[in-house]
Amino acid sequence: MLGENMKKIVAIVRPNKFEAVKKALIAAGCSGMTIKEVKGHGRQMGITERYRGSDYRVDLLPKTEINMVVKAESVDNVIQTIISAARTGTIGDGKIFVFPVDEVVRIRTGETGREAI
């Protein structure tokens, strides 16, 4: 089945780490990606900041979402590349999700499957 040969990787990273992640992925041979600016929180449930003497809670923090479809044998390398470029060692570094992909179709040529990635 084709889904076993292709995976979708969704990485949520700090916005200030996106350029480093992008450069590392391109250097690793992963040039196809889609990027979104998103907001969210994980276990830390946001942060508390002080502004003009008052504390306020920011519970949705800005993040960058990177989406890509890769060949299954590239998943481990892509994950390690993202971790190496995005890790700061502090809470809020992000998450990586991996999903099976049943099919890919290149609109321009009609190519399908792994050849269309």
N, C-alpha and C. Protein backbone atom coordinates (compact mmCIF):
# COMPACT_ATOMS: atom_id res chain seq x y z
N MET A 1 0.84 -1.19 0.00
CA MET A 1 0.00 0.00 0.00
C MET A 1 0.88 1.25 0.00
N LEU A 2 0.48 2.25 -0.74
CA LEU A 2 1.29 3.47 -0.86
C LEU A 2 1.48 4.19 0.45
N GLY A 3 0.49 4.19 1.34
CA GLY A 3 0.59 4.90 2.61
C GLY A 3 1.77 4.47 3.45
N GLU A 4 2.23 3.23 3.24
CA GLU A 4 3.38 2.74 3.99
C GLU A 4 4.68 3.34 3.46
N ASN A 5 4.64 3.91 2.29
CA ASN A 5 5.86 4.44 1.67
C ASN A 5 6.02 5.94 1.83
N MET A 6 4.97 6.63 2.28
CA MET A 6 5.02 8.09 2.40
C MET A 6 4.47 8.50 3.76
N LYS A 7 5.04 9.56 4.31
CA LYS A 7 4.59 10.06 5.61
C LYS A 7 4.47 11.58 5.55
N LYS A 8 3.48 12.10 6.27
CA LYS A 8 3.36 13.54 6.43
C LYS A 8 3.95 13.89 7.79
N ILE A 9 4.84 14.85 7.79
CA ILE A 9 5.46 15.33 9.02
C ILE A 9 4.95 16.73 9.28
N VAL A 10 4.41 16.94 10.48
CA VAL A 10 3.97 18.26 10.92
C VAL A 10 4.83 18.62 12.13
N ALA A 11 5.59 19.68 12.00
CA ALA A 11 6.45 20.14 13.10
C ALA A 11 5.97 21.51 13.56
N ILE A 12 5.81 21.67 14.86
CA ILE A 12 5.44 22.95 15.46
C ILE A 12 6.70 23.44 16.18
N VAL A 13 7.24 24.58 15.74
CA VAL A 13 8.50 25.09 16.31
C VAL A 13 8.36 26.56 16.69
N ARG A 14 9.32 27.04 17.47
CA ARG A 14 9.37 28.45 17.82
C ARG A 14 9.61 29.27 16.54
N PRO A 15 8.93 30.40 16.39
CA PRO A 15 9.13 31.22 15.19
C PRO A 15 10.59 31.64 14.98
N ASN A 16 11.31 31.91 16.07
CA ASN A 16 12.70 32.35 15.92
C ASN A 16 13.63 31.21 15.53
N LYS A 17 13.14 29.97 15.52
CA LYS A 17 13.94 28.81 15.10
C LYS A 17 13.60 28.35 13.69
N PHE A 18 12.58 28.95 13.10
CA PHE A 18 12.13 28.48 11.78
C PHE A 18 13.23 28.57 10.72
N GLU A 19 13.92 29.69 10.61
CA GLU A 19 14.95 29.82 9.56
C GLU A 19 16.03 28.77 9.70
N ALA A 20 16.45 28.49 10.92
CA ALA A 20 17.47 27.47 11.15
C ALA A 20 16.95 26.09 10.75
N VAL A 21 15.69 25.81 11.08
CA VAL A 21 15.08 24.53 10.71
C VAL A 21 14.97 24.43 9.19
N LYS A 22 14.51 25.49 8.55
CA LYS A 22 14.36 25.48 7.09
C LYS A 22 15.70 25.23 6.41
N LYS A 23 16.74 25.94 6.82
CA LYS A 23 18.07 25.76 6.23
C LYS A 23 18.58 24.34 6.45
N ALA A 24 18.37 23.80 7.65
CA ALA A 24 18.82 22.44 7.94
C ALA A 24 18.07 21.42 7.09
N LEU A 25 16.76 21.60 6.92
CA LEU A 25 15.98 20.68 6.10
C LEU A 25 16.41 20.73 4.64
N ILE A 26 16.64 21.93 4.13
CA ILE A 26 17.09 22.05 2.74
C ILE A 26 18.45 21.39 2.57
N ALA A 27 19.36 21.59 3.53
CA ALA A 27 20.68 20.96 3.47
C ALA A 27 20.56 19.43 3.52
N ALA A 28 19.52 18.93 4.19
CA ALA A 28 19.30 17.48 4.29
C ALA A 28 18.54 16.93 3.09
N GLY A 29 18.20 17.80 2.12
CA GLY A 29 17.53 17.35 0.90
C GLY A 29 16.02 17.42 0.93
N CYS A 30 15.45 18.09 1.92
CA CYS A 30 13.99 18.23 2.04
C CYS A 30 13.60 19.65 1.68
N SER A 31 13.35 19.90 0.43
CA SER A 31 13.05 21.28 0.01
C SER A 31 11.56 21.57 -0.04
N GLY A 32 10.71 20.56 -0.14
CA GLY A 32 9.28 20.79 -0.24
C GLY A 32 8.64 20.90 1.12
N MET A 33 8.08 22.07 1.42
CA MET A 33 7.42 22.26 2.71
C MET A 33 6.38 23.36 2.58
N THR A 34 5.40 23.32 3.46
CA THR A 34 4.39 24.36 3.57
C THR A 34 4.46 24.90 4.99
N ILE A 35 4.39 26.22 5.12
CA ILE A 35 4.58 26.88 6.41
C ILE A 35 3.31 27.65 6.78
N LYS A 36 2.96 27.60 8.07
CA LYS A 36 1.85 28.40 8.60
C LYS A 36 2.31 29.06 9.89
N GLU A 37 1.86 30.28 10.11
CA GLU A 37 2.04 30.92 11.41
C GLU A 37 0.81 30.57 12.23
N VAL A 38 1.03 29.96 13.39
CA VAL A 38 -0.08 29.50 14.22
C VAL A 38 0.12 29.98 15.66
N LYS A 39 -0.89 29.79 16.49
CA LYS A 39 -0.79 30.08 17.91
C LYS A 39 -1.28 28.87 18.67
N GLY A 40 -0.68 28.62 19.83
CA GLY A 40 -1.12 27.50 20.64
C GLY A 40 -0.34 27.40 21.93
N HIS A 41 -0.63 26.35 22.68
CA HIS A 41 0.12 26.09 23.90
C HIS A 41 0.14 24.60 24.16
N GLY A 42 1.11 24.19 24.92
CA GLY A 42 1.23 22.80 25.33
C GLY A 42 1.04 22.70 26.83
N ARG A 43 1.87 21.89 27.45
CA ARG A 43 1.76 21.66 28.89
C ARG A 43 1.95 22.92 29.72
N GLN A 44 2.77 23.84 29.21
CA GLN A 44 3.06 25.04 30.01
C GLN A 44 1.86 25.98 30.08
N MET A 45 0.85 25.76 29.23
CA MET A 45 -0.37 26.56 29.23
C MET A 45 -0.11 28.05 29.06
N GLY A 46 0.91 28.41 28.31
CA GLY A 46 1.23 29.80 28.06
C GLY A 46 2.24 30.34 29.05
N ILE A 47 2.37 31.64 29.08
CA ILE A 47 3.34 32.29 29.96
C ILE A 47 2.69 33.49 30.65
N THR A 48 3.27 33.88 31.77
CA THR A 48 2.82 35.09 32.46
C THR A 48 3.86 36.16 32.23
N GLU A 49 3.42 37.33 31.79
CA GLU A 49 4.32 38.45 31.54
C GLU A 49 3.89 39.64 32.38
N ARG A 50 4.82 40.55 32.59
CA ARG A 50 4.54 41.76 33.36
C ARG A 50 4.63 42.95 32.40
N TYR A 51 3.61 43.79 32.40
CA TYR A 51 3.57 44.97 31.56
C TYR A 51 3.09 46.14 32.40
N ARG A 52 3.92 47.16 32.52
CA ARG A 52 3.60 48.36 33.30
C ARG A 52 3.10 48.03 34.72
N GLY A 53 3.79 47.08 35.34
CA GLY A 53 3.49 46.74 36.72
C GLY A 53 2.37 45.76 36.92
N SER A 54 1.72 45.32 35.85
CA SER A 54 0.62 44.37 35.97
C SER A 54 1.00 43.05 35.30
N ASP A 55 0.65 41.95 35.94
CA ASP A 55 0.86 40.63 35.36
C ASP A 55 -0.31 40.29 34.45
N TYR A 56 -0.02 39.66 33.34
CA TYR A 56 -1.08 39.13 32.49
C TYR A 56 -0.63 37.83 31.87
N ARG A 57 -1.57 36.99 31.58
CA ARG A 57 -1.31 35.64 31.07
C ARG A 57 -1.49 35.62 29.56
N VAL A 58 -0.48 35.09 28.86
CA VAL A 58 -0.55 34.86 27.42
C VAL A 58 -0.66 33.36 27.26
N ASP A 59 -1.86 32.87 26.94
CA ASP A 59 -2.04 31.42 26.89
C ASP A 59 -1.93 30.83 25.49
N LEU A 60 -1.91 31.66 24.48
CA LEU A 60 -1.68 31.19 23.11
C LEU A 60 -0.42 31.86 22.59
N LEU A 61 0.62 31.07 22.45
CA LEU A 61 1.91 31.60 22.03
C LEU A 61 2.11 31.43 20.53
N PRO A 62 2.80 32.36 19.87
CA PRO A 62 3.06 32.22 18.44
C PRO A 62 4.02 31.06 18.17
N LYS A 63 3.69 30.29 17.15
CA LYS A 63 4.51 29.16 16.71
C LYS A 63 4.52 29.14 15.19
N THR A 64 5.42 28.35 14.63
CA THR A 64 5.45 28.14 13.18
C THR A 64 5.21 26.66 12.93
N GLU A 65 4.26 26.37 12.05
CA GLU A 65 3.94 24.99 11.69
C GLU A 65 4.56 24.67 10.33
N ILE A 66 5.32 23.60 10.28
CA ILE A 66 5.97 23.14 9.05
C ILE A 66 5.32 21.83 8.65
N ASN A 67 4.80 21.76 7.42
CA ASN A 67 4.19 20.55 6.89
C ASN A 67 5.00 20.05 5.71
N MET A 68 5.26 18.75 5.67
CA MET A 68 5.95 18.17 4.52
C MET A 68 5.57 16.70 4.38
N VAL A 69 5.63 16.21 3.15
CA VAL A 69 5.43 14.79 2.89
C VAL A 69 6.76 14.25 2.39
N VAL A 70 7.19 13.15 3.01
CA VAL A 70 8.49 12.57 2.68
C VAL A 70 8.34 11.07 2.48
N LYS A 71 9.35 10.46 1.87
CA LYS A 71 9.40 9.00 1.76
C LYS A 71 9.60 8.44 3.15
N ALA A 72 9.00 7.29 3.42
CA ALA A 72 9.03 6.70 4.76
C ALA A 72 10.45 6.51 5.27
N GLU A 73 11.37 6.15 4.40
CA GLU A 73 12.74 5.91 4.85
C GLU A 73 13.48 7.20 5.24
N SER A 74 12.91 8.36 4.92
CA SER A 74 13.52 9.64 5.27
C SER A 74 13.02 10.21 6.60
N VAL A 75 12.00 9.59 7.19
CA VAL A 75 11.35 10.16 8.37
C VAL A 75 12.33 10.37 9.52
N ASP A 76 13.10 9.36 9.87
CA ASP A 76 14.02 9.49 11.01
C ASP A 76 15.02 10.61 10.80
N ASN A 77 15.56 10.72 9.58
CA ASN A 77 16.52 11.78 9.27
C ASN A 77 15.87 13.16 9.38
N VAL A 78 14.66 13.29 8.87
CA VAL A 78 13.95 14.58 8.93
C VAL A 78 13.66 14.96 10.38
N ILE A 79 13.22 14.00 11.17
CA ILE A 79 12.94 14.28 12.58
C ILE A 79 14.20 14.73 13.31
N GLN A 80 15.30 14.03 13.11
CA GLN A 80 16.55 14.41 13.77
C GLN A 80 17.05 15.77 13.30
N THR A 81 16.86 16.08 12.03
CA THR A 81 17.24 17.39 11.50
C THR A 81 16.45 18.50 12.17
N ILE A 82 15.13 18.31 12.30
CA ILE A 82 14.28 19.32 12.94
C ILE A 82 14.68 19.48 14.41
N ILE A 83 14.86 18.37 15.11
CA ILE A 83 15.23 18.44 16.53
C ILE A 83 16.55 19.19 16.70
N SER A 84 17.53 18.85 15.90
CA SER A 84 18.85 19.49 16.02
C SER A 84 18.78 20.99 15.81
N ALA A 85 17.94 21.43 14.87
CA ALA A 85 17.87 22.85 14.55
C ALA A 85 16.92 23.63 15.47
N ALA A 86 15.92 22.96 16.04
CA ALA A 86 14.88 23.67 16.79
C ALA A 86 15.06 23.61 18.30
N ARG A 87 15.83 22.67 18.80
CA ARG A 87 15.91 22.46 20.25
C ARG A 87 16.67 23.59 20.95
N THR A 88 16.04 24.13 22.01
CA THR A 88 16.72 25.09 22.89
C THR A 88 16.93 24.47 24.26
N GLY A 89 16.20 23.40 24.55
CA GLY A 89 16.30 22.75 25.84
C GLY A 89 15.36 23.31 26.88
N THR A 90 14.52 24.26 26.48
CA THR A 90 13.56 24.83 27.42
C THR A 90 12.15 24.48 26.97
N ILE A 91 11.21 24.61 27.90
CA ILE A 91 9.82 24.30 27.60
C ILE A 91 9.32 25.18 26.46
N GLY A 92 8.53 24.59 25.57
CA GLY A 92 7.99 25.35 24.45
C GLY A 92 8.74 25.16 23.15
N ASP A 93 9.69 24.21 23.10
CA ASP A 93 10.44 23.97 21.87
C ASP A 93 9.57 23.44 20.74
N GLY A 94 8.47 22.76 21.06
CA GLY A 94 7.54 22.32 20.02
C GLY A 94 7.32 20.82 20.01
N LYS A 95 6.67 20.37 18.94
CA LYS A 95 6.33 18.96 18.77
C LYS A 95 6.49 18.59 17.30
N ILE A 96 6.64 17.28 17.06
CA ILE A 96 6.67 16.73 15.70
C ILE A 96 5.65 15.60 15.66
N PHE A 97 4.78 15.63 14.64
CA PHE A 97 3.78 14.59 14.44
C PHE A 97 4.04 13.92 13.10
N VAL A 98 3.82 12.60 13.03
CA VAL A 98 4.03 11.85 11.79
C VAL A 98 2.74 11.09 11.47
N PHE A 99 2.27 11.25 10.22
CA PHE A 99 1.02 10.63 9.77
C PHE A 99 1.27 9.82 8.50
N PRO A 100 0.52 8.73 8.31
CA PRO A 100 0.61 8.02 7.03
C PRO A 100 -0.05 8.84 5.92
N VAL A 101 0.44 8.69 4.71
CA VAL A 101 -0.13 9.36 3.54
C VAL A 101 -0.55 8.27 2.55
N ASP A 102 -1.82 8.28 2.16
CA ASP A 102 -2.32 7.26 1.24
C ASP A 102 -1.94 7.53 -0.21
N GLU A 103 -1.92 8.79 -0.58
CA GLU A 103 -1.65 9.11 -1.99
C GLU A 103 -1.17 10.54 -2.12
N VAL A 104 -0.36 10.79 -3.12
CA VAL A 104 0.09 12.13 -3.51
C VAL A 104 -0.07 12.22 -5.02
N VAL A 105 -0.59 13.35 -5.50
CA VAL A 105 -0.73 13.57 -6.94
C VAL A 105 -0.13 14.93 -7.27
N ARG A 106 0.81 14.95 -8.21
CA ARG A 106 1.36 16.22 -8.69
C ARG A 106 0.40 16.74 -9.75
N ILE A 107 -0.20 17.88 -9.50
CA ILE A 107 -1.22 18.43 -10.38
C ILE A 107 -0.67 18.70 -11.78
N ARG A 108 0.51 19.29 -11.87
CA ARG A 108 1.08 19.68 -13.17
C ARG A 108 1.26 18.51 -14.12
N THR A 109 1.76 17.36 -13.60
CA THR A 109 2.10 16.24 -14.49
C THR A 109 1.18 15.03 -14.35
N GLY A 110 0.42 14.99 -13.25
CA GLY A 110 -0.42 13.84 -13.00
C GLY A 110 0.33 12.68 -12.34
N GLU A 111 1.63 12.88 -12.05
CA GLU A 111 2.40 11.83 -11.37
C GLU A 111 1.74 11.51 -10.03
N THR A 112 1.86 10.26 -9.61
CA THR A 112 1.27 9.84 -8.35
C THR A 112 2.31 9.13 -7.48
N GLY A 113 1.96 8.96 -6.22
CA GLY A 113 2.81 8.21 -5.31
C GLY A 113 4.12 8.93 -5.00
N ARG A 114 5.13 8.13 -4.70
CA ARG A 114 6.43 8.65 -4.27
C ARG A 114 7.06 9.57 -5.31
N GLU A 115 6.79 9.33 -6.59
CA GLU A 115 7.36 10.18 -7.64
C GLU A 115 6.80 11.60 -7.61
N ALA A 116 5.63 11.77 -6.99
CA ALA A 116 4.99 13.08 -6.94
C ALA A 116 5.44 13.92 -5.74
N ILE A 117 6.22 13.34 -4.84
CA ILE A 117 6.65 14.09 -3.65
C ILE A 117 7.61 15.17 -4.07
